[in-house]
Amino acid sequence: MQADRLFQEAQTQHQRGQLAQALKLYERALAIKPYHAPARIFKALLIQQQGKSLALCATEFVFMC
């Protein structure tokens, strides 16, 4: 499944510290499969790592972030 492949690539970029690229990949995975729980969770973690508040995506985070 393409969403799973995008998620795996996002995790690789995330681990390498390529946060902007990882975020784009998490978002692409979520565009394909909006309820991809791991992509949502890691997207939220990445947002926190960037020093941003999860409130920035609070409207989505009700399980859409």
PDB file of N, CA and C in Angstrom:
ATOM      1  N   MET A   1       0.847  -1.182   0.000  1.00  0.00           N
ATOM      2  CA  MET A   1       0.000   0.000   0.000  1.00  0.00           C
ATOM      3  C   MET A   1       0.890   1.242   0.000  1.00  0.00           C
ATOM      4  N   GLN A   2       0.538   2.208  -0.795  1.00  0.00           N
ATOM      5  CA  GLN A   2       1.370   3.395  -0.960  1.00  0.00           C
ATOM      6  C   GLN A   2       1.479   4.211   0.325  1.00  0.00           C
ATOM      7  N   ALA A   3       0.410   4.335   1.097  1.00  0.00           N
ATOM      8  CA  ALA A   3       0.456   5.108   2.345  1.00  0.00           C
ATOM      9  C   ALA A   3       1.484   4.505   3.301  1.00  0.00           C
ATOM     10  N   ASP A   4       1.541   3.193   3.358  1.00  0.00           N
ATOM     11  CA  ASP A   4       2.506   2.534   4.241  1.00  0.00           C
ATOM     12  C   ASP A   4       3.942   2.784   3.784  1.00  0.00           C
ATOM     13  N   ARG A   5       4.166   2.778   2.479  1.00  0.00           N
ATOM     14  CA  ARG A   5       5.510   3.061   1.959  1.00  0.00           C
ATOM     15  C   ARG A   5       5.919   4.504   2.242  1.00  0.00           C
ATOM     16  N   LEU A   6       4.986   5.425   2.074  1.00  0.00           N
ATOM     17  CA  LEU A   6       5.267   6.820   2.378  1.00  0.00           C
ATOM     18  C   LEU A   6       5.576   6.992   3.864  1.00  0.00           C
ATOM     19  N   PHE A   7       4.825   6.294   4.698  1.00  0.00           N
ATOM     20  CA  PHE A   7       5.070   6.356   6.141  1.00  0.00           C
ATOM     21  C   PHE A   7       6.466   5.831   6.475  1.00  0.00           C
ATOM     22  N   GLN A   8       6.856   4.729   5.877  1.00  0.00           N
ATOM     23  CA  GLN A   8       8.184   4.164   6.133  1.00  0.00           C
ATOM     24  C   GLN A   8       9.278   5.137   5.711  1.00  0.00           C
ATOM     25  N   GLU A   9       9.102   5.762   4.555  1.00  0.00           N
ATOM     26  CA  GLU A   9      10.094   6.737   4.086  1.00  0.00           C
ATOM     27  C   GLU A   9      10.104   7.954   5.009  1.00  0.00           C
ATOM     28  N   ALA A  10       8.930   8.363   5.480  1.00  0.00           N
ATOM     29  CA  ALA A  10       8.853   9.482   6.424  1.00  0.00           C
ATOM     30  C   ALA A  10       9.619   9.159   7.701  1.00  0.00           C
ATOM     31  N   GLN A  11       9.478   7.950   8.196  1.00  0.00           N
ATOM     32  CA  GLN A  11      10.201   7.557   9.409  1.00  0.00           C
ATOM     33  C   GLN A  11      11.708   7.576   9.177  1.00  0.00           C
ATOM     34  N   THR A  12      12.138   7.132   8.018  1.00  0.00           N
ATOM     35  CA  THR A  12      13.563   7.160   7.699  1.00  0.00           C
ATOM     36  C   THR A  12      14.079   8.596   7.710  1.00  0.00           C
ATOM     37  N   GLN A  13      13.339   9.490   7.058  1.00  0.00           N
ATOM     38  CA  GLN A  13      13.751  10.895   7.032  1.00  0.00           C
ATOM     39  C   GLN A  13      13.701  11.509   8.433  1.00  0.00           C
ATOM     40  N   HIS A  14      12.702  11.149   9.200  1.00  0.00           N
ATOM     41  CA  HIS A  14      12.549  11.640  10.568  1.00  0.00           C
ATOM     42  C   HIS A  14      13.761  11.229  11.406  1.00  0.00           C
ATOM     43  N   GLN A  15      14.157   9.978  11.300  1.00  0.00           N
ATOM     44  CA  GLN A  15      15.309   9.473  12.055  1.00  0.00           C
ATOM     45  C   GLN A  15      16.607  10.145  11.625  1.00  0.00           C
ATOM     46  N   ARG A  16      16.692  10.552  10.393  1.00  0.00           N
ATOM     47  CA  ARG A  16      17.884  11.238   9.880  1.00  0.00           C
ATOM     48  C   ARG A  16      17.896  12.724  10.221  1.00  0.00           C
ATOM     49  N   GLY A  17      16.801  13.186  10.842  1.00  0.00           N
ATOM     50  CA  GLY A  17      16.721  14.591  11.211  1.00  0.00           C
ATOM     51  C   GLY A  17      16.210  15.487  10.102  1.00  0.00           C
ATOM     52  N   GLN A  18      15.738  14.895   9.025  1.00  0.00           N
ATOM     53  CA  GLN A  18      15.188  15.647   7.895  1.00  0.00           C
ATOM     54  C   GLN A  18      13.702  15.908   8.173  1.00  0.00           C
ATOM     55  N   LEU A  19      13.434  16.805   9.130  1.00  0.00           N
ATOM     56  CA  LEU A  19      12.076  16.976   9.634  1.00  0.00           C
ATOM     57  C   LEU A  19      11.111  17.552   8.603  1.00  0.00           C
ATOM     58  N   ALA A  20      11.544  18.501   7.820  1.00  0.00           N
ATOM     59  CA  ALA A  20      10.654  19.093   6.817  1.00  0.00           C
ATOM     60  C   ALA A  20      10.232  18.047   5.787  1.00  0.00           C
ATOM     61  N   GLN A  21      11.186  17.240   5.338  1.00  0.00           N
ATOM     62  CA  GLN A  21      10.870  16.189   4.370  1.00  0.00           C
ATOM     63  C   GLN A  21       9.976  15.127   4.995  1.00  0.00           C
ATOM     64  N   ALA A  22      10.264  14.754   6.235  1.00  0.00           N
ATOM     65  CA  ALA A  22       9.442  13.760   6.926  1.00  0.00           C
ATOM     66  C   ALA A  22       8.010  14.251   7.067  1.00  0.00           C
ATOM     67  N   LEU A  23       7.842  15.509   7.424  1.00  0.00           N
ATOM     68  CA  LEU A  23       6.497  16.065   7.585  1.00  0.00           C
ATOM     69  C   LEU A  23       5.716  15.986   6.272  1.00  0.00           C
ATOM     70  N   LYS A  24       6.355  16.328   5.183  1.00  0.00           N
ATOM     71  CA  LYS A  24       5.700  16.245   3.873  1.00  0.00           C
ATOM     72  C   LYS A  24       5.262  14.816   3.573  1.00  0.00           C
ATOM     73  N   LEU A  25       6.124  13.864   3.904  1.00  0.00           N
ATOM     74  CA  LEU A  25       5.800  12.459   3.637  1.00  0.00           C
ATOM     75  C   LEU A  25       4.676  11.953   4.539  1.00  0.00           C
ATOM     76  N   TYR A  26       4.688  12.343   5.820  1.00  0.00           N
ATOM     77  CA  TYR A  26       3.576  11.975   6.710  1.00  0.00           C
ATOM     78  C   TYR A  26       2.273  12.538   6.159  1.00  0.00           C
ATOM     79  N   GLU A  27       2.310  13.786   5.709  1.00  0.00           N
ATOM     80  CA  GLU A  27       1.103  14.419   5.175  1.00  0.00           C
ATOM     81  C   GLU A  27       0.632  13.737   3.898  1.00  0.00           C
ATOM     82  N   ARG A  28       1.559  13.320   3.053  1.00  0.00           N
ATOM     83  CA  ARG A  28       1.174  12.593   1.831  1.00  0.00           C
ATOM     84  C   ARG A  28       0.539  11.251   2.178  1.00  0.00           C
ATOM     85  N   ALA A  29       1.109  10.565   3.169  1.00  0.00           N
ATOM     86  CA  ALA A  29       0.530   9.286   3.603  1.00  0.00           C
ATOM     87  C   ALA A  29      -0.884   9.503   4.137  1.00  0.00           C
ATOM     88  N   LEU A  30      -1.064  10.577   4.906  1.00  0.00           N
ATOM     89  CA  LEU A  30      -2.385  10.863   5.466  1.00  0.00           C
ATOM     90  C   LEU A  30      -3.381  11.325   4.403  1.00  0.00           C
ATOM     91  N   ALA A  31      -2.893  11.928   3.346  1.00  0.00           N
ATOM     92  CA  ALA A  31      -3.780  12.320   2.255  1.00  0.00           C
ATOM     93  C   ALA A  31      -4.365  11.092   1.566  1.00  0.00           C
ATOM     94  N   ILE A  32      -3.569  10.032   1.514  1.00  0.00           N
ATOM     95  CA  ILE A  32      -4.015   8.781   0.886  1.00  0.00           C
ATOM     96  C   ILE A  32      -4.879   7.977   1.841  1.00  0.00           C
ATOM     97  N   LYS A  33      -4.433   7.916   3.097  1.00  0.00           N
ATOM     98  CA  LYS A  33      -5.120   7.108   4.107  1.00  0.00           C
ATOM     99  C   LYS A  33      -5.276   7.966   5.367  1.00  0.00           C
ATOM    100  N   PRO A  34      -6.353   8.760   5.441  1.00  0.00           N
ATOM    101  CA  PRO A  34      -6.518   9.724   6.531  1.00  0.00           C
ATOM    102  C   PRO A  34      -6.497   9.127   7.936  1.00  0.00           C
ATOM    103  N   TYR A  35      -6.829   7.876   8.083  1.00  0.00           N
ATOM    104  CA  TYR A  35      -6.868   7.270   9.415  1.00  0.00           C
ATOM    105  C   TYR A  35      -5.650   6.386   9.692  1.00  0.00           C
ATOM    106  N   HIS A  36      -4.540   6.689   9.057  1.00  0.00           N
ATOM    107  CA  HIS A  36      -3.285   5.955   9.279  1.00  0.00           C
ATOM    108  C   HIS A  36      -2.727   6.409  10.629  1.00  0.00           C
ATOM    109  N   ALA A  37      -3.055   5.658  11.679  1.00  0.00           N
ATOM    110  CA  ALA A  37      -2.729   6.073  13.048  1.00  0.00           C
ATOM    111  C   ALA A  37      -1.241   6.342  13.270  1.00  0.00           C
ATOM    112  N   PRO A  38      -0.330   5.468  12.824  1.00  0.00           N
ATOM    113  CA  PRO A  38       1.087   5.757  13.059  1.00  0.00           C
ATOM    114  C   PRO A  38       1.539   7.062  12.405  1.00  0.00           C
ATOM    115  N   ALA A  39       1.045   7.352  11.211  1.00  0.00           N
ATOM    116  CA  ALA A  39       1.419   8.602  10.545  1.00  0.00           C
ATOM    117  C   ALA A  39       0.916   9.802  11.332  1.00  0.00           C
ATOM    118  N   ARG A  40      -0.275   9.704  11.878  1.00  0.00           N
ATOM    119  CA  ARG A  40      -0.816  10.790  12.703  1.00  0.00           C
ATOM    120  C   ARG A  40       0.027  11.004  13.948  1.00  0.00           C
ATOM    121  N   ILE A  41       0.362   9.909  14.601  1.00  0.00           N
ATOM    122  CA  ILE A  41       1.134   9.997  15.853  1.00  0.00           C
ATOM    123  C   ILE A  41       2.513  10.588  15.592  1.00  0.00           C
ATOM    124  N   PHE A  42       3.205  10.079  14.576  1.00  0.00           N
ATOM    125  CA  PHE A  42       4.554  10.572  14.302  1.00  0.00           C
ATOM    126  C   PHE A  42       4.540  11.995  13.741  1.00  0.00           C
ATOM    127  N   LYS A  43       3.479  12.367  13.033  1.00  0.00           N
ATOM    128  CA  LYS A  43       3.357  13.751  12.587  1.00  0.00           C
ATOM    129  C   LYS A  43       3.252  14.670  13.808  1.00  0.00           C
ATOM    130  N   ALA A  44       2.453  14.276  14.788  1.00  0.00           N
ATOM    131  CA  ALA A  44       2.313  15.074  16.013  1.00  0.00           C
ATOM    132  C   ALA A  44       3.638  15.162  16.761  1.00  0.00           C
ATOM    133  N   LEU A  45       4.363  14.048  16.850  1.00  0.00           N
ATOM    134  CA  LEU A  45       5.670  14.058  17.516  1.00  0.00           C
ATOM    135  C   LEU A  45       6.645  14.983  16.793  1.00  0.00           C
ATOM    136  N   LEU A  46       6.620  14.938  15.483  1.00  0.00           N
ATOM    137  CA  LEU A  46       7.505  15.795  14.695  1.00  0.00           C
ATOM    138  C   LEU A  46       7.182  17.274  14.934  1.00  0.00           C
ATOM    139  N   ILE A  47       5.911  17.596  14.979  1.00  0.00           N
ATOM    140  CA  ILE A  47       5.500  18.978  15.235  1.00  0.00           C
ATOM    141  C   ILE A  47       6.042  19.437  16.584  1.00  0.00           C
ATOM    142  N   GLN A  48       5.961  18.577  17.582  1.00  0.00           N
ATOM    143  CA  GLN A  48       6.505  18.916  18.900  1.00  0.00           C
ATOM    144  C   GLN A  48       8.021  19.064  18.837  1.00  0.00           C
ATOM    145  N   GLN A  49       8.694  18.203  18.088  1.00  0.00           N
ATOM    146  CA  GLN A  49      10.148  18.287  17.958  1.00  0.00           C
ATOM    147  C   GLN A  49      10.574  19.599  17.320  1.00  0.00           C
ATOM    148  N   GLN A  50       9.738  20.144  16.477  1.00  0.00           N
ATOM    149  CA  GLN A  50      10.047  21.411  15.830  1.00  0.00           C
ATOM    150  C   GLN A  50       9.795  22.584  16.770  1.00  0.00           C
ATOM    151  N   GLY A  51       9.362  22.284  17.987  1.00  0.00           N
ATOM    152  CA  GLY A  51       9.121  23.331  18.965  1.00  0.00           C
ATOM    153  C   GLY A  51       7.783  24.012  18.807  1.00  0.00           C
ATOM    154  N   LYS A  52       6.921  23.418  18.010  1.00  0.00           N
ATOM    155  CA  LYS A  52       5.599  23.992  17.800  1.00  0.00           C
ATOM    156  C   LYS A  52       4.612  23.316  18.746  1.00  0.00           C
ATOM    157  N   SER A  53       3.581  24.032  19.060  1.00  0.00           N
ATOM    158  CA  SER A  53       2.543  23.508  19.928  1.00  0.00           C
ATOM    159  C   SER A  53       1.594  22.626  19.130  1.00  0.00           C
ATOM    160  N   LEU A  54       1.133  21.568  19.765  1.00  0.00           N
ATOM    161  CA  LEU A  54       0.132  20.738  19.100  1.00  0.00           C
ATOM    162  C   LEU A  54      -1.168  21.499  18.911  1.00  0.00           C
ATOM    163  N   ALA A  55      -1.317  22.622  19.595  1.00  0.00           N
ATOM    164  CA  ALA A  55      -2.505  23.446  19.402  1.00  0.00           C
ATOM    165  C   ALA A  55      -2.581  23.943  17.964  1.00  0.00           C
ATOM    166  N   LEU A  56      -1.437  23.992  17.277  1.00  0.00           N
ATOM    167  CA  LEU A  56      -1.441  24.423  15.884  1.00  0.00           C
ATOM    168  C   LEU A  56      -2.243  23.480  15.002  1.00  0.00           C
ATOM    169  N   CYS A  57      -2.344  22.251  15.419  1.00  0.00           N
ATOM    170  CA  CYS A  57      -3.149  21.309  14.626  1.00  0.00           C
ATOM    171  C   CYS A  57      -4.272  20.730  15.467  1.00  0.00           C
ATOM    172  N   ALA A  58      -4.688  21.460  16.499  1.00  0.00           N
ATOM    173  CA  ALA A  58      -5.711  20.970  17.423  1.00  0.00           C
ATOM    174  C   ALA A  58      -7.006  20.630  16.711  1.00  0.00           C
ATOM    175  N   THR A  59      -7.393  21.398  15.736  1.00  0.00           N
ATOM    176  CA  THR A  59      -8.635  21.100  15.043  1.00  0.00           C
ATOM    177  C   THR A  59      -8.540  19.786  14.278  1.00  0.00           C
ATOM    178  N   GLU A  60      -7.356  19.475  13.794  1.00  0.00           N
ATOM    179  CA  GLU A  60      -7.136  18.212  13.101  1.00  0.00           C
ATOM    180  C   GLU A  60      -6.865  17.082  14.078  1.00  0.00           C
ATOM    181  N   PHE A  61      -6.274  17.398  15.217  1.00  0.00           N
ATOM    182  CA  PHE A  61      -5.742  16.365  16.098  1.00  0.00           C
ATOM    183  C   PHE A  61      -6.789  15.499  16.756  1.00  0.00           C
ATOM    184  N   VAL A  62      -8.031  15.830  16.575  1.00  0.00           N
ATOM    185  CA  VAL A  62      -9.093  15.004  17.110  1.00  0.00           C
ATOM    186  C   VAL A  62      -9.097  13.700  16.301  1.00  0.00           C
ATOM    187  N   PHE A  63      -7.978  13.295  15.869  1.00  0.00           N
ATOM    188  CA  PHE A  63      -7.689  12.121  15.072  1.00  0.00           C
ATOM    189  C   PHE A  63      -7.563  12.416  13.602  1.00  0.00           C
ATOM    190  N   MET A  64      -7.262  13.629  13.261  1.00  0.00           N
ATOM    191  CA  MET A  64      -6.989  13.945  11.874  1.00  0.00           C
ATOM    192  C   MET A  64      -5.606  14.562  11.700  1.00  0.00           C
ATOM    193  N   CYS A  65      -4.876  14.786  12.755  1.00  0.00           N
ATOM    194  CA  CYS A  65      -3.558  15.401  12.658  1.00  0.00           C
ATOM    195  C   CYS A  65      -2.546  14.402  12.150  1.00  0.00           C
TER     196      CYS A  65
END
